[in-house]
Amino acid sequence: MLKIRLKRIGKKHQPSFRIVVQERRSKLKGKFIDDLGSYSPISKKITINAEKVKKWLGFGAQPSDTVHNLLIKNKIITGTKINLVKKPKNKKSPVENSPASAAPSQPEAAQAA
């Protein structure tokens, strides 16, 4: 299965990425089939070859979540963006988890009897 994803090429603390088509199981820094463009998050510069992207999407390549959002931002594909921020799991408040609140108190049990 083919994926359209980002391949990091920048220096340390200076990220820069290429948008490439790769086999899904290949290493991120490994061989790629085609170079579709570049993305620099520091300067917010995005260059994408729209014709190549549409060609690979037609062949069945699946974009990663970040690339999907970049393609929508540049109006190459239509749809809704994918939320990349993980939602925190709901944690119960300490009052709900305390053992005193789990068991009924003595006066309540005496009133019921």
Protein backbone atom coordinates (compact mmCIF):
# COMPACT_ATOMS: atom_id res chain seq x y z
CA MET A 1 0.00 0.00 0.00
CA LEU A 2 1.33 3.42 -0.92
CA LYS A 3 1.37 6.39 1.45
CA ILE A 4 1.92 10.07 0.78
CA ARG A 5 3.84 11.33 3.79
CA LEU A 6 6.48 13.73 5.08
CA LYS A 7 10.18 12.86 5.00
CA ARG A 8 12.35 15.04 7.24
CA ILE A 9 15.38 16.54 5.54
CA GLY A 10 16.17 19.52 7.78
CA LYS A 11 18.97 20.13 10.24
CA LYS A 12 18.63 19.80 13.98
CA HIS A 13 16.14 22.42 15.28
CA GLN A 14 15.47 23.51 11.66
CA PRO A 15 12.81 21.11 10.40
CA SER A 16 12.12 20.89 6.70
CA PHE A 17 10.18 18.14 4.98
CA ARG A 18 9.69 16.59 1.55
CA ILE A 19 6.28 15.30 0.59
CA VAL A 20 6.95 11.87 -0.89
CA VAL A 21 5.18 8.71 -2.01
CA GLN A 22 6.51 5.61 -0.22
CA GLU A 23 5.55 2.03 0.43
CA ARG A 24 3.70 2.01 3.77
CA ARG A 25 6.16 -0.37 5.44
CA SER A 26 9.35 1.37 4.30
CA LYS A 27 11.45 3.45 6.67
CA LEU A 28 10.71 7.16 6.88
CA LYS A 29 14.22 8.04 5.76
CA GLY A 30 14.33 5.16 3.28
CA LYS A 31 13.70 4.99 -0.45
CA PHE A 32 10.74 6.81 -1.90
CA ILE A 33 8.95 6.41 -5.21
CA ASP A 34 8.21 10.02 -6.12
CA ASP A 35 8.85 13.50 -4.73
CA LEU A 36 5.67 15.61 -4.71
CA GLY A 37 6.84 18.82 -3.04
CA SER A 38 8.23 20.33 0.14
CA TYR A 39 7.04 21.87 3.40
CA SER A 40 8.88 24.21 5.75
CA PRO A 41 6.99 24.69 9.05
CA ILE A 42 9.27 27.53 10.18
CA SER A 43 8.70 29.75 7.15
CA LYS A 44 5.22 28.23 6.49
CA LYS A 45 6.26 27.67 2.84
CA ILE A 46 4.48 24.84 1.04
CA THR A 47 5.21 23.78 -2.54
CA ILE A 48 3.17 20.90 -3.92
CA ASN A 49 2.87 19.55 -7.46
CA ALA A 50 -0.92 19.18 -7.65
CA GLU A 51 -0.90 17.09 -10.85
CA LYS A 52 1.41 14.47 -9.33
CA VAL A 53 -0.63 14.35 -6.12
CA LYS A 54 -3.86 13.74 -8.01
CA LYS A 55 -2.14 11.08 -10.12
CA TRP A 56 -0.94 9.17 -7.03
CA LEU A 57 -4.28 9.54 -5.27
CA GLY A 58 -5.84 8.05 -8.40
CA PHE A 59 -3.46 5.08 -8.11
CA GLY A 60 -4.71 4.51 -4.54
CA ALA A 61 -2.04 6.21 -2.42
CA GLN A 62 -3.34 7.26 1.00
CA PRO A 63 -2.11 10.57 2.50
CA SER A 64 -1.00 10.71 6.13
CA ASP A 65 -3.09 12.90 8.45
CA THR A 66 -0.70 15.86 8.25
CA VAL A 67 -0.35 15.64 4.47
CA HIS A 68 -4.13 15.33 4.18
CA ASN A 69 -4.52 18.61 6.09
CA LEU A 70 -1.85 20.30 3.91
CA LEU A 71 -3.62 19.17 0.73
CA ILE A 72 -6.93 20.56 1.98
CA LYS A 73 -5.24 23.84 2.99
CA ASN A 74 -3.84 24.23 -0.55
CA LYS A 75 -7.22 23.26 -2.08
CA ILE A 76 -5.81 20.25 -3.94
CA ILE A 77 -8.44 17.96 -2.41
CA THR A 78 -11.74 18.73 -0.72
CA GLY A 79 -13.00 17.51 2.63
CA THR A 80 -12.62 18.25 6.29
CA LYS A 81 -9.35 18.48 8.15
CA ILE A 82 -8.35 15.72 10.54
CA ASN A 83 -7.88 16.73 14.18
CA LEU A 84 -4.28 15.84 15.06
CA VAL A 85 -4.44 16.80 18.76
CA LYS A 86 -5.16 13.86 21.04
CA LYS A 87 -7.97 14.46 23.50
CA PRO A 88 -7.09 13.70 27.13
CA LYS A 89 -8.94 10.80 28.69
CA ASN A 90 -11.61 11.73 31.20
CA LYS A 91 -10.23 11.47 34.70
CA LYS A 92 -12.55 11.24 37.65
CA SER A 93 -12.13 13.82 40.35
CA PRO A 94 -10.35 12.71 43.57
CA VAL A 95 -13.62 13.00 45.51
CA GLU A 96 -15.28 10.37 43.32
CA ASN A 97 -12.35 7.96 43.68
CA SER A 98 -12.03 8.15 47.47
CA PRO A 99 -13.08 5.00 49.39
CA ALA A 100 -15.26 7.03 51.78
CA SER A 101 -17.58 8.11 48.99
CA ALA A 102 -17.76 4.59 47.53
CA ALA A 103 -19.35 3.02 50.65
CA PRO A 104 -22.47 4.49 52.28
CA SER A 105 -21.81 6.26 55.54
CA GLN A 106 -22.98 4.85 58.90
CA PRO A 107 -25.86 7.27 59.54
CA GLU A 108 -27.43 6.63 56.13
CA ALA A 109 -27.31 2.87 56.69
CA ALA A 110 -28.91 3.29 60.14
CA GLN A 111 -31.73 5.41 58.73
CA ALA A 112 -32.53 2.79 56.06
CA ALA A 113 -32.94 0.03 58.70
